[in-house]
Amino acid sequence: MDTPHSHVLQLDIQGTPQAWISIEHAATHHAADAVAWTDGDGPLRLLRGGWNVVAGRQSVIEVYPIIALRGAARVNLFDGAPSVAKEKLFRRDRHTCAYCGQRLPERALQCEHVVPASRGGPWSWMNLVSACAACNGRKADRTPEEARMPLLYLPYVPSRFEDFLLAGRHIRADVHDWLAARLPRGSRLS
């Protein structure tokens, strides 16, 4: 059963977010004694296993919403930028058109290339902003300078902590607060 809070934030030993994993996957890390520390206001789930006949006890695993694994991370996640997705872009830009400043629902926004794709502008965090259809159409195949439509805010590459918040999962308040406390100074998500 998938509950609203059915994912665990997996960290490396230094506290860098690595992945969202299932409760069951987190339990396998606990069972393998790979969990260095946990955090959160309380367990997401209490899992019960078999009975130890000698001790007369049932095995129990408390799965917390944040777990840090022992050892080094397999991949240095700071080597690459987080993947760009339309929904994450709109959340990064707080659902605000970069040209007119209007706040709109996600369905009314478009991904807009600052340097047009037809001129070699890449699909990247630094070249994409959120725009309403009217502004996107008015800017057309020009740069903001050529269209005389200055950007109201600048694009940026989200940090690893911002990316995990932008992913848009149903995040428990304690996990959200944990990630938010580690946002870079000046983050739009603060």
N, C-alpha and C. Protein backbone atom coordinates (compact mmCIF):
# COMPACT_ATOMS: atom_id res chain seq x y z
N MET A 1 0.84 -1.18 0.00
CA MET A 1 0.00 0.00 0.00
C MET A 1 0.89 1.24 0.00
N ASP A 2 0.63 2.16 -0.91
CA ASP A 2 1.42 3.37 -1.02
C ASP A 2 0.75 4.47 -0.21
N THR A 3 1.32 4.83 0.92
CA THR A 3 0.78 5.89 1.77
C THR A 3 1.35 7.22 1.32
N PRO A 4 0.77 8.35 1.77
CA PRO A 4 1.31 9.65 1.37
C PRO A 4 2.78 9.82 1.71
N HIS A 5 3.23 9.17 2.78
CA HIS A 5 4.63 9.27 3.19
C HIS A 5 5.26 7.89 3.12
N SER A 6 5.44 7.41 1.92
CA SER A 6 5.94 6.04 1.75
C SER A 6 7.38 5.99 1.26
N HIS A 7 8.05 7.13 1.24
CA HIS A 7 9.44 7.15 0.78
C HIS A 7 10.37 7.61 1.89
N VAL A 8 11.57 7.07 1.83
CA VAL A 8 12.60 7.38 2.81
C VAL A 8 13.69 8.16 2.09
N LEU A 9 14.18 9.21 2.72
CA LEU A 9 15.30 9.98 2.16
C LEU A 9 16.59 9.27 2.55
N GLN A 10 17.29 8.75 1.55
CA GLN A 10 18.56 8.05 1.80
C GLN A 10 19.70 9.05 1.62
N LEU A 11 20.57 9.10 2.61
CA LEU A 11 21.73 10.00 2.61
C LEU A 11 23.01 9.19 2.62
N ASP A 12 24.11 9.85 2.27
CA ASP A 12 25.40 9.22 2.51
C ASP A 12 25.79 9.53 3.96
N ILE A 13 26.91 9.03 4.40
CA ILE A 13 27.33 9.19 5.80
C ILE A 13 27.51 10.66 6.17
N GLN A 14 27.78 11.52 5.18
CA GLN A 14 27.99 12.95 5.45
C GLN A 14 26.69 13.75 5.42
N GLY A 15 25.58 13.08 5.10
CA GLY A 15 24.30 13.76 5.09
C GLY A 15 23.90 14.34 3.75
N THR A 16 24.54 13.90 2.67
CA THR A 16 24.18 14.38 1.34
C THR A 16 23.09 13.48 0.77
N PRO A 17 21.98 14.06 0.32
CA PRO A 17 20.90 13.25 -0.24
C PRO A 17 21.38 12.42 -1.43
N GLN A 18 20.98 11.15 -1.43
CA GLN A 18 21.36 10.23 -2.49
C GLN A 18 20.16 9.80 -3.33
N ALA A 19 19.04 9.49 -2.65
CA ALA A 19 17.88 8.98 -3.38
C ALA A 19 16.66 8.95 -2.47
N TRP A 20 15.49 8.89 -3.10
CA TRP A 20 14.26 8.54 -2.40
C TRP A 20 14.12 7.05 -2.58
N ILE A 21 13.95 6.32 -1.49
CA ILE A 21 13.82 4.86 -1.57
C ILE A 21 12.54 4.42 -0.86
N SER A 22 12.12 3.20 -1.15
CA SER A 22 10.91 2.66 -0.51
C SER A 22 11.20 2.26 0.93
N ILE A 23 10.15 2.11 1.69
CA ILE A 23 10.29 1.64 3.08
C ILE A 23 10.93 0.26 3.10
N GLU A 24 10.55 -0.59 2.16
CA GLU A 24 11.10 -1.94 2.09
C GLU A 24 12.60 -1.92 1.80
N HIS A 25 13.01 -1.03 0.89
CA HIS A 25 14.44 -0.89 0.57
C HIS A 25 15.22 -0.41 1.79
N ALA A 26 14.64 0.54 2.51
CA ALA A 26 15.28 1.03 3.74
C ALA A 26 15.41 -0.10 4.76
N ALA A 27 14.39 -0.97 4.84
CA ALA A 27 14.44 -2.09 5.79
C ALA A 27 15.59 -3.04 5.45
N THR A 28 15.87 -3.23 4.16
CA THR A 28 17.00 -4.10 3.80
C THR A 28 18.33 -3.49 4.24
N HIS A 29 18.44 -2.17 4.19
CA HIS A 29 19.65 -1.51 4.69
C HIS A 29 19.78 -1.72 6.21
N HIS A 30 18.66 -1.61 6.92
CA HIS A 30 18.68 -1.85 8.37
C HIS A 30 19.09 -3.29 8.67
N ALA A 31 18.49 -4.23 7.94
CA ALA A 31 18.77 -5.65 8.18
C ALA A 31 20.23 -5.98 7.89
N ALA A 32 20.84 -5.28 6.93
CA ALA A 32 22.24 -5.51 6.58
C ALA A 32 23.19 -4.71 7.48
N ASP A 33 22.65 -4.01 8.46
CA ASP A 33 23.43 -3.17 9.37
C ASP A 33 24.23 -2.11 8.62
N ALA A 34 23.63 -1.57 7.56
CA ALA A 34 24.29 -0.55 6.74
C ALA A 34 23.88 0.86 7.14
N VAL A 35 22.94 1.01 8.06
CA VAL A 35 22.45 2.33 8.45
C VAL A 35 23.32 2.89 9.58
N ALA A 36 23.93 4.04 9.32
CA ALA A 36 24.79 4.68 10.31
C ALA A 36 23.97 5.49 11.31
N TRP A 37 22.97 6.22 10.82
CA TRP A 37 22.11 7.01 11.69
C TRP A 37 20.79 7.30 11.00
N THR A 38 19.80 7.67 11.82
CA THR A 38 18.47 7.98 11.31
C THR A 38 18.06 9.34 11.85
N ASP A 39 17.04 9.92 11.22
CA ASP A 39 16.50 11.18 11.69
C ASP A 39 15.02 11.24 11.34
N GLY A 40 14.34 12.17 11.95
CA GLY A 40 12.91 12.33 11.73
C GLY A 40 12.19 12.32 13.06
N ASP A 41 10.96 12.78 13.06
CA ASP A 41 10.18 12.89 14.29
C ASP A 41 9.70 11.55 14.82
N GLY A 42 9.81 10.53 14.03
CA GLY A 42 9.38 9.20 14.46
C GLY A 42 9.38 8.28 13.27
N PRO A 43 9.26 6.98 13.52
CA PRO A 43 9.33 6.04 12.39
C PRO A 43 8.14 6.18 11.44
N LEU A 44 8.43 5.90 10.17
CA LEU A 44 7.37 5.82 9.16
C LEU A 44 6.57 4.55 9.37
N ARG A 45 7.29 3.49 9.69
CA ARG A 45 6.65 2.19 9.84
C ARG A 45 7.47 1.32 10.77
N LEU A 46 6.76 0.45 11.46
CA LEU A 46 7.38 -0.55 12.33
C LEU A 46 7.15 -1.89 11.64
N LEU A 47 8.24 -2.55 11.23
CA LEU A 47 8.15 -3.83 10.53
C LEU A 47 8.52 -4.95 11.48
N ARG A 48 7.70 -5.98 11.50
CA ARG A 48 7.94 -7.12 12.39
C ARG A 48 8.32 -8.33 11.55
N GLY A 49 9.32 -9.08 12.05
CA GLY A 49 9.80 -10.26 11.35
C GLY A 49 9.52 -11.53 12.14
N GLY A 50 10.42 -12.48 11.97
CA GLY A 50 10.26 -13.78 12.64
C GLY A 50 10.66 -13.74 14.10
N TRP A 51 10.45 -14.89 14.76
CA TRP A 51 10.75 -15.03 16.18
C TRP A 51 12.09 -15.72 16.37
N ASN A 52 12.92 -15.19 17.26
CA ASN A 52 14.15 -15.83 17.67
C ASN A 52 13.78 -16.75 18.83
N VAL A 53 13.89 -18.06 18.58
CA VAL A 53 13.46 -19.05 19.57
C VAL A 53 14.30 -18.95 20.83
N VAL A 54 15.63 -18.78 20.68
CA VAL A 54 16.52 -18.74 21.83
C VAL A 54 16.22 -17.53 22.72
N ALA A 55 16.08 -16.36 22.09
CA ALA A 55 15.84 -15.13 22.86
C ALA A 55 14.36 -14.95 23.18
N GLY A 56 13.51 -15.62 22.44
CA GLY A 56 12.08 -15.47 22.67
C GLY A 56 11.55 -14.12 22.24
N ARG A 57 12.20 -13.50 21.25
CA ARG A 57 11.80 -12.17 20.79
C ARG A 57 11.53 -12.18 19.29
N GLN A 58 10.63 -11.31 18.90
CA GLN A 58 10.35 -11.11 17.48
C GLN A 58 11.26 -10.00 16.97
N SER A 59 11.79 -10.19 15.75
CA SER A 59 12.63 -9.12 15.19
C SER A 59 11.74 -7.96 14.77
N VAL A 60 12.24 -6.74 15.03
CA VAL A 60 11.51 -5.51 14.73
C VAL A 60 12.47 -4.51 14.10
N ILE A 61 12.02 -3.86 13.04
CA ILE A 61 12.80 -2.80 12.40
C ILE A 61 11.94 -1.55 12.37
N GLU A 62 12.44 -0.47 12.95
CA GLU A 62 11.78 0.83 12.86
C GLU A 62 12.40 1.56 11.69
N VAL A 63 11.60 1.89 10.70
CA VAL A 63 12.09 2.60 9.51
C VAL A 63 11.76 4.08 9.68
N TYR A 64 12.81 4.87 9.81
CA TYR A 64 12.67 6.32 9.95
C TYR A 64 12.64 6.98 8.58
N PRO A 65 12.12 8.21 8.48
CA PRO A 65 12.00 8.87 7.17
C PRO A 65 13.33 9.34 6.58
N ILE A 66 14.38 9.38 7.39
CA ILE A 66 15.71 9.77 6.91
C ILE A 66 16.70 8.75 7.42
N ILE A 67 17.48 8.15 6.50
CA ILE A 67 18.53 7.22 6.91
C ILE A 67 19.83 7.59 6.21
N ALA A 68 20.93 7.48 6.95
CA ALA A 68 22.26 7.69 6.38
C ALA A 68 22.98 6.35 6.37
N LEU A 69 23.59 6.03 5.24
CA LEU A 69 24.26 4.74 5.09
C LEU A 69 25.75 4.87 5.38
N ARG A 70 26.30 3.81 5.93
CA ARG A 70 27.73 3.74 6.20
C ARG A 70 28.51 3.71 4.89
N GLY A 71 29.76 4.10 4.97
CA GLY A 71 30.64 4.03 3.80
C GLY A 71 30.50 5.24 2.90
N ALA A 72 31.30 5.24 1.86
CA ALA A 72 31.31 6.35 0.91
C ALA A 72 30.19 6.18 -0.11
N ALA A 73 29.70 7.31 -0.60
CA ALA A 73 28.69 7.26 -1.65
C ALA A 73 29.32 6.66 -2.90
N ARG A 74 28.53 5.90 -3.64
CA ARG A 74 29.05 5.27 -4.85
C ARG A 74 29.31 6.29 -5.95
N VAL A 75 28.53 7.35 -5.96
CA VAL A 75 28.66 8.38 -6.98
C VAL A 75 28.75 9.73 -6.29
N ASN A 76 29.66 10.57 -6.74
CA ASN A 76 29.75 11.93 -6.21
C ASN A 76 28.66 12.74 -6.89
N LEU A 77 27.59 13.00 -6.17
CA LEU A 77 26.44 13.65 -6.76
C LEU A 77 26.64 15.13 -7.04
N PHE A 78 27.76 15.70 -6.61
CA PHE A 78 28.03 17.10 -6.90
C PHE A 78 28.75 17.26 -8.24
N ASP A 79 29.12 16.13 -8.87
CA ASP A 79 29.80 16.20 -10.16
C ASP A 79 28.86 16.60 -11.29
N GLY A 80 27.59 16.32 -11.15
CA GLY A 80 26.64 16.64 -12.21
C GLY A 80 25.50 17.47 -11.68
N ALA A 81 24.88 18.21 -12.59
CA ALA A 81 23.72 19.02 -12.21
C ALA A 81 22.49 18.11 -12.10
N PRO A 82 21.55 18.47 -11.25
CA PRO A 82 20.31 17.70 -11.17
C PRO A 82 19.59 17.71 -12.52
N SER A 83 18.85 16.67 -12.79
CA SER A 83 18.13 16.60 -14.07
C SER A 83 17.04 17.68 -14.11
N VAL A 84 16.82 18.21 -15.31
CA VAL A 84 15.80 19.24 -15.51
C VAL A 84 14.49 18.56 -15.85
N ALA A 85 13.45 18.94 -15.18
CA ALA A 85 12.10 18.48 -15.49
C ALA A 85 11.17 19.68 -15.42
N LYS A 86 10.17 19.67 -16.24
CA LYS A 86 9.23 20.80 -16.34
C LYS A 86 8.65 21.16 -14.97
N GLU A 87 8.18 20.17 -14.23
CA GLU A 87 7.55 20.44 -12.94
C GLU A 87 8.56 21.03 -11.95
N LYS A 88 9.79 20.52 -11.96
CA LYS A 88 10.81 21.05 -11.05
C LYS A 88 11.17 22.48 -11.44
N LEU A 89 11.21 22.77 -12.74
CA LEU A 89 11.51 24.13 -13.20
C LEU A 89 10.44 25.10 -12.70
N PHE A 90 9.17 24.74 -12.84
CA PHE A 90 8.09 25.61 -12.39
C PHE A 90 8.16 25.83 -10.88
N ARG A 91 8.50 24.80 -10.13
CA ARG A 91 8.63 24.95 -8.67
C ARG A 91 9.83 25.82 -8.32
N ARG A 92 10.95 25.62 -9.05
CA ARG A 92 12.13 26.47 -8.81
C ARG A 92 11.76 27.94 -8.98
N ASP A 93 10.99 28.23 -10.02
CA ASP A 93 10.63 29.62 -10.35
C ASP A 93 9.37 30.09 -9.63
N ARG A 94 8.90 29.28 -8.68
CA ARG A 94 7.74 29.60 -7.84
C ARG A 94 6.50 29.91 -8.66
N HIS A 95 6.35 29.18 -9.77
CA HIS A 95 5.17 29.31 -10.64
C HIS A 95 4.96 30.75 -11.11
N THR A 96 6.07 31.44 -11.38
CA THR A 96 6.03 32.85 -11.75
C THR A 96 6.64 33.06 -13.13
N CYS A 97 5.93 33.78 -13.98
CA CYS A 97 6.45 34.10 -15.31
C CYS A 97 7.67 35.00 -15.16
N ALA A 98 8.75 34.64 -15.83
CA ALA A 98 10.00 35.40 -15.73
C ALA A 98 9.93 36.76 -16.41
N TYR A 99 8.89 37.01 -17.19
CA TYR A 99 8.79 38.26 -17.94
C TYR A 99 7.75 39.23 -17.38
N CYS A 100 6.56 38.73 -17.03
CA CYS A 100 5.53 39.63 -16.52
C CYS A 100 5.34 39.52 -15.00
N GLY A 101 5.90 38.49 -14.38
CA GLY A 101 5.83 38.32 -12.93
C GLY A 101 4.53 37.73 -12.42
N GLN A 102 3.66 37.32 -13.32
CA GLN A 102 2.37 36.75 -12.93
C GLN A 102 2.56 35.34 -12.37
N ARG A 103 1.94 35.07 -11.22
CA ARG A 103 1.95 33.71 -10.64
C ARG A 103 0.79 32.95 -11.25
N LEU A 104 1.10 31.75 -11.76
CA LEU A 104 0.09 30.97 -12.47
C LEU A 104 0.11 29.52 -12.04
N PRO A 105 -1.00 28.80 -12.26
CA PRO A 105 -0.97 27.36 -11.99
C PRO A 105 -0.05 26.67 -13.00
N GLU A 106 0.44 25.52 -12.61
CA GLU A 106 1.39 24.78 -13.45
C GLU A 106 0.89 24.58 -14.88
N ARG A 107 -0.38 24.29 -15.04
CA ARG A 107 -0.93 24.01 -16.37
C ARG A 107 -0.90 25.23 -17.29
N ALA A 108 -0.77 26.44 -16.71
CA ALA A 108 -0.76 27.67 -17.51
C ALA A 108 0.66 28.16 -17.80
N LEU A 109 1.67 27.41 -17.36
CA LEU A 109 3.05 27.83 -17.58
C LEU A 109 3.70 27.02 -18.69
N GLN A 110 4.75 27.60 -19.27
CA GLN A 110 5.54 26.92 -20.30
C GLN A 110 7.01 27.06 -19.96
N CYS A 111 7.80 26.10 -20.43
CA CYS A 111 9.25 26.18 -20.29
C CYS A 111 9.75 27.08 -21.41
N GLU A 112 10.48 28.11 -21.05
CA GLU A 112 10.92 29.09 -22.03
C GLU A 112 12.45 29.11 -22.08
N HIS A 113 13.00 28.99 -23.28
CA HIS A 113 14.45 29.08 -23.48
C HIS A 113 14.86 30.55 -23.51
N VAL A 114 15.77 30.94 -22.63
CA VAL A 114 16.27 32.31 -22.65
C VAL A 114 16.98 32.56 -23.98
N VAL A 115 17.95 31.72 -24.32
CA VAL A 115 18.54 31.71 -25.66
C VAL A 115 17.73 30.66 -26.43
N PRO A 116 17.01 31.07 -27.47
CA PRO A 116 16.11 30.14 -28.16
C PRO A 116 16.79 28.84 -28.60
N ALA A 117 16.04 27.75 -28.52
CA ALA A 117 16.55 26.44 -28.95
C ALA A 117 16.98 26.48 -30.40
N SER A 118 16.28 27.25 -31.23
CA SER A 118 16.63 27.35 -32.65
C SER A 118 17.99 28.01 -32.87
N ARG A 119 18.50 28.68 -31.86
CA ARG A 119 19.82 29.33 -31.93
C ARG A 119 20.86 28.56 -31.11
N GLY A 120 20.51 27.34 -30.76
CA GLY A 120 21.47 26.51 -30.03
C GLY A 120 21.34 26.58 -28.52
N GLY A 121 20.32 27.26 -28.01
CA GLY A 121 20.11 27.35 -26.57
C GLY A 121 19.77 25.98 -26.00
N PRO A 122 20.51 25.53 -25.00
CA PRO A 122 20.30 24.17 -24.48
C PRO A 122 19.10 24.07 -23.54
N TRP A 123 18.62 22.83 -23.36
CA TRP A 123 17.62 22.52 -22.35
C TRP A 123 18.40 22.33 -21.05
N SER A 124 18.61 23.41 -20.31
CA SER A 124 19.42 23.36 -19.10
C SER A 124 18.86 24.32 -18.07
N TRP A 125 19.21 24.09 -16.82
CA TRP A 125 18.75 24.97 -15.75
C TRP A 125 19.11 26.43 -16.00
N MET A 126 20.28 26.68 -16.56
CA MET A 126 20.74 28.06 -16.75
C MET A 126 20.15 28.73 -17.98
N ASN A 127 19.42 27.98 -18.83
CA ASN A 127 18.83 28.58 -20.03
C ASN A 127 17.30 28.46 -20.04
N LEU A 128 16.72 27.96 -18.97
CA LEU A 128 15.27 27.80 -18.93
C LEU A 128 14.66 28.63 -17.81
N VAL A 129 13.51 29.21 -18.10
CA VAL A 129 12.70 29.91 -17.10
C VAL A 129 11.24 29.55 -17.35
N SER A 130 10.40 29.84 -16.38
CA SER A 130 8.97 29.65 -16.52
C SER A 130 8.38 30.89 -17.18
N ALA A 131 7.41 30.68 -18.08
CA ALA A 131 6.78 31.82 -18.75
C ALA A 131 5.31 31.50 -19.02
N CYS A 132 4.51 32.54 -19.02
CA CYS A 132 3.11 32.36 -19.42
C CYS A 132 3.08 32.29 -20.95
N ALA A 133 1.99 31.80 -21.49
CA ALA A 133 1.87 31.62 -22.94
C ALA A 133 1.98 32.95 -23.68
N ALA A 134 1.37 34.01 -23.12
CA ALA A 134 1.41 35.31 -23.78
C ALA A 134 2.84 35.84 -23.90
N CYS A 135 3.60 35.77 -22.81
CA CYS A 135 4.99 36.27 -22.85
C CYS A 135 5.87 35.38 -23.72
N ASN A 136 5.66 34.08 -23.63
CA ASN A 136 6.45 33.15 -24.44
C ASN A 136 6.20 33.42 -25.92
N GLY A 137 4.95 33.65 -26.29
CA GLY A 137 4.61 33.95 -27.68
C GLY A 137 5.16 35.30 -28.13
N ARG A 138 5.09 36.28 -27.24
CA ARG A 138 5.59 37.63 -27.57
C ARG A 138 7.11 37.63 -27.74
N LYS A 139 7.81 36.91 -26.88
CA LYS A 139 9.28 36.85 -26.99
C LYS A 139 9.69 36.12 -28.26
N ALA A 140 8.92 35.07 -28.56
CA ALA A 140 9.13 34.28 -29.78
C ALA A 140 10.55 33.74 -29.87
N ASP A 141 11.16 33.88 -31.03
CA ASP A 141 12.49 33.31 -31.31
C ASP A 141 13.59 34.36 -31.13
N ARG A 142 13.46 35.15 -30.07
CA ARG A 142 14.45 36.21 -29.83
C ARG A 142 15.02 36.06 -28.42
N THR A 143 16.11 36.75 -28.18
CA THR A 143 16.65 36.80 -26.82
C THR A 143 15.82 37.82 -26.04
N PRO A 144 15.90 37.81 -24.71
CA PRO A 144 15.16 38.83 -23.94
C PRO A 144 15.55 40.26 -24.34
N GLU A 145 16.83 40.47 -24.65
CA GLU A 145 17.28 41.81 -25.05
C GLU A 145 16.65 42.21 -26.38
N GLU A 146 16.67 41.31 -27.35
CA GLU A 146 16.09 41.61 -28.66
C GLU A 146 14.58 41.87 -28.56
N ALA A 147 13.91 41.16 -27.69
CA ALA A 147 12.46 41.31 -27.52
C ALA A 147 12.11 42.46 -26.57
N ARG A 148 13.14 43.06 -25.96
CA ARG A 148 12.96 44.11 -24.95
C ARG A 148 12.04 43.64 -23.82
N MET A 149 12.35 42.42 -23.38
CA MET A 149 11.62 41.79 -22.29
C MET A 149 12.63 41.29 -21.26
N PRO A 150 13.10 42.18 -20.39
CA PRO A 150 14.11 41.75 -19.42
C PRO A 150 13.56 40.70 -18.44
N LEU A 151 14.44 39.81 -18.04
CA LEU A 151 14.08 38.79 -17.06
C LEU A 151 13.89 39.44 -15.70
N LEU A 152 12.84 39.05 -15.00
CA LEU A 152 12.59 39.55 -13.65
C LEU A 152 13.42 38.81 -12.61
N TYR A 153 13.88 37.62 -12.95
CA TYR A 153 14.75 36.83 -12.09
C TYR A 153 15.67 36.02 -12.99
N LEU A 154 16.79 35.61 -12.44
CA LEU A 154 17.77 34.85 -13.21
C LEU A 154 17.62 33.35 -12.97
N PRO A 155 17.85 32.57 -14.00
CA PRO A 155 17.84 31.12 -13.80
C PRO A 155 19.06 30.69 -12.99
N TYR A 156 18.96 29.54 -12.32
CA TYR A 156 20.09 29.00 -11.58
C TYR A 156 19.96 27.49 -11.49
N VAL A 157 21.06 26.83 -11.19
CA VAL A 157 21.07 25.38 -11.01
C VAL A 157 20.77 25.09 -9.54
N PRO A 158 19.72 24.33 -9.26
CA PRO A 158 19.39 24.03 -7.87
C PRO A 158 20.48 23.18 -7.20
N SER A 159 20.64 23.40 -5.90
CA SER A 159 21.56 22.57 -5.13
C SER A 159 20.95 21.18 -4.98
N ARG A 160 21.72 20.25 -4.48
CA ARG A 160 21.23 18.88 -4.26
C ARG A 160 20.03 18.88 -3.30
N PHE A 161 20.09 19.69 -2.26
CA PHE A 161 19.01 19.76 -1.29
C PHE A 161 17.76 20.37 -1.92
N GLU A 162 17.93 21.43 -2.73
CA GLU A 162 16.79 22.03 -3.43
C GLU A 162 16.17 21.03 -4.39
N ASP A 163 17.00 20.27 -5.10
CA ASP A 163 16.49 19.30 -6.07
C ASP A 163 15.59 18.27 -5.40
N PHE A 164 15.96 17.81 -4.22
CA PHE A 164 15.13 16.82 -3.53
C PHE A 164 13.79 17.43 -3.09
N LEU A 165 13.77 18.73 -2.75
CA LEU A 165 12.51 19.39 -2.44
C LEU A 165 11.69 19.63 -3.72
N LEU A 166 12.37 19.97 -4.81
CA LEU A 166 11.68 20.25 -6.07
C LEU A 166 11.06 19.01 -6.70
N ALA A 167 11.55 17.84 -6.31
CA ALA A 167 11.06 16.60 -6.91
C ALA A 167 9.56 16.42 -6.68
N GLY A 168 9.00 17.12 -5.69
CA GLY A 168 7.57 17.17 -5.54
C GLY A 168 6.90 15.97 -4.90
N ARG A 169 7.64 15.14 -4.23
CA ARG A 169 7.02 14.01 -3.53
C ARG A 169 6.21 14.53 -2.36
N HIS A 170 5.35 13.67 -1.83
CA HIS A 170 4.64 13.99 -0.59
C HIS A 170 5.65 13.82 0.53
N ILE A 171 6.22 14.92 0.97
CA ILE A 171 7.30 14.89 1.94
C ILE A 171 6.74 15.19 3.33
N ARG A 172 7.08 14.33 4.29
CA ARG A 172 6.69 14.60 5.67
C ARG A 172 7.27 15.94 6.10
N ALA A 173 6.59 16.61 6.99
CA ALA A 173 7.03 17.93 7.46
C ALA A 173 8.43 17.87 8.06
N ASP A 174 8.74 16.82 8.82
CA ASP A 174 10.06 16.74 9.44
C ASP A 174 11.17 16.56 8.40
N VAL A 175 10.89 15.82 7.32
CA VAL A 175 11.89 15.64 6.26
C VAL A 175 12.03 16.93 5.47
N HIS A 176 10.92 17.60 5.20
CA HIS A 176 10.97 18.89 4.51
C HIS A 176 11.81 19.88 5.30
N ASP A 177 11.56 19.95 6.61
CA ASP A 177 12.32 20.87 7.47
C ASP A 177 13.80 20.53 7.48
N TRP A 178 14.13 19.23 7.49
CA TRP A 178 15.53 18.79 7.49
C TRP A 178 16.21 19.26 6.21
N LEU A 179 15.57 19.05 5.07
CA LEU A 179 16.15 19.50 3.79
C LEU A 179 16.21 21.03 3.73
N ALA A 180 15.14 21.70 4.13
CA ALA A 180 15.08 23.16 4.06
C ALA A 180 16.15 23.82 4.93
N ALA A 181 16.51 23.19 6.03
CA ALA A 181 17.54 23.75 6.92
C ALA A 181 18.91 23.73 6.26
N ARG A 182 19.06 22.98 5.18
CA ARG A 182 20.35 22.85 4.50
C ARG A 182 20.37 23.54 3.15
N LEU A 183 19.37 24.34 2.86
CA LEU A 183 19.33 25.08 1.59
C LEU A 183 20.40 26.16 1.58
N PRO A 184 20.94 26.46 0.41
CA PRO A 184 21.92 27.54 0.32
C PRO A 184 21.28 28.89 0.70
N ARG A 185 22.07 29.77 1.23
CA ARG A 185 21.59 31.11 1.55
C ARG A 185 21.06 31.76 0.28
N GLY A 186 19.92 32.38 0.37
CA GLY A 186 19.34 33.05 -0.78
C GLY A 186 18.51 32.15 -1.68
N SER A 187 18.31 30.91 -1.31
CA SER A 187 17.52 29.99 -2.12
C SER A 187 16.09 30.51 -2.26
N ARG A 188 15.52 30.38 -3.45
CA ARG A 188 14.13 30.77 -3.67
C ARG A 188 13.17 29.87 -2.92
N LEU A 189 13.65 28.71 -2.49
CA LEU A 189 12.78 27.77 -1.77
C LEU A 189 12.71 28.05 -0.29
N SER A 190 13.53 28.98 0.20
CA SER A 190 13.56 29.30 1.64
C SER A 190 12.29 29.98 2.07
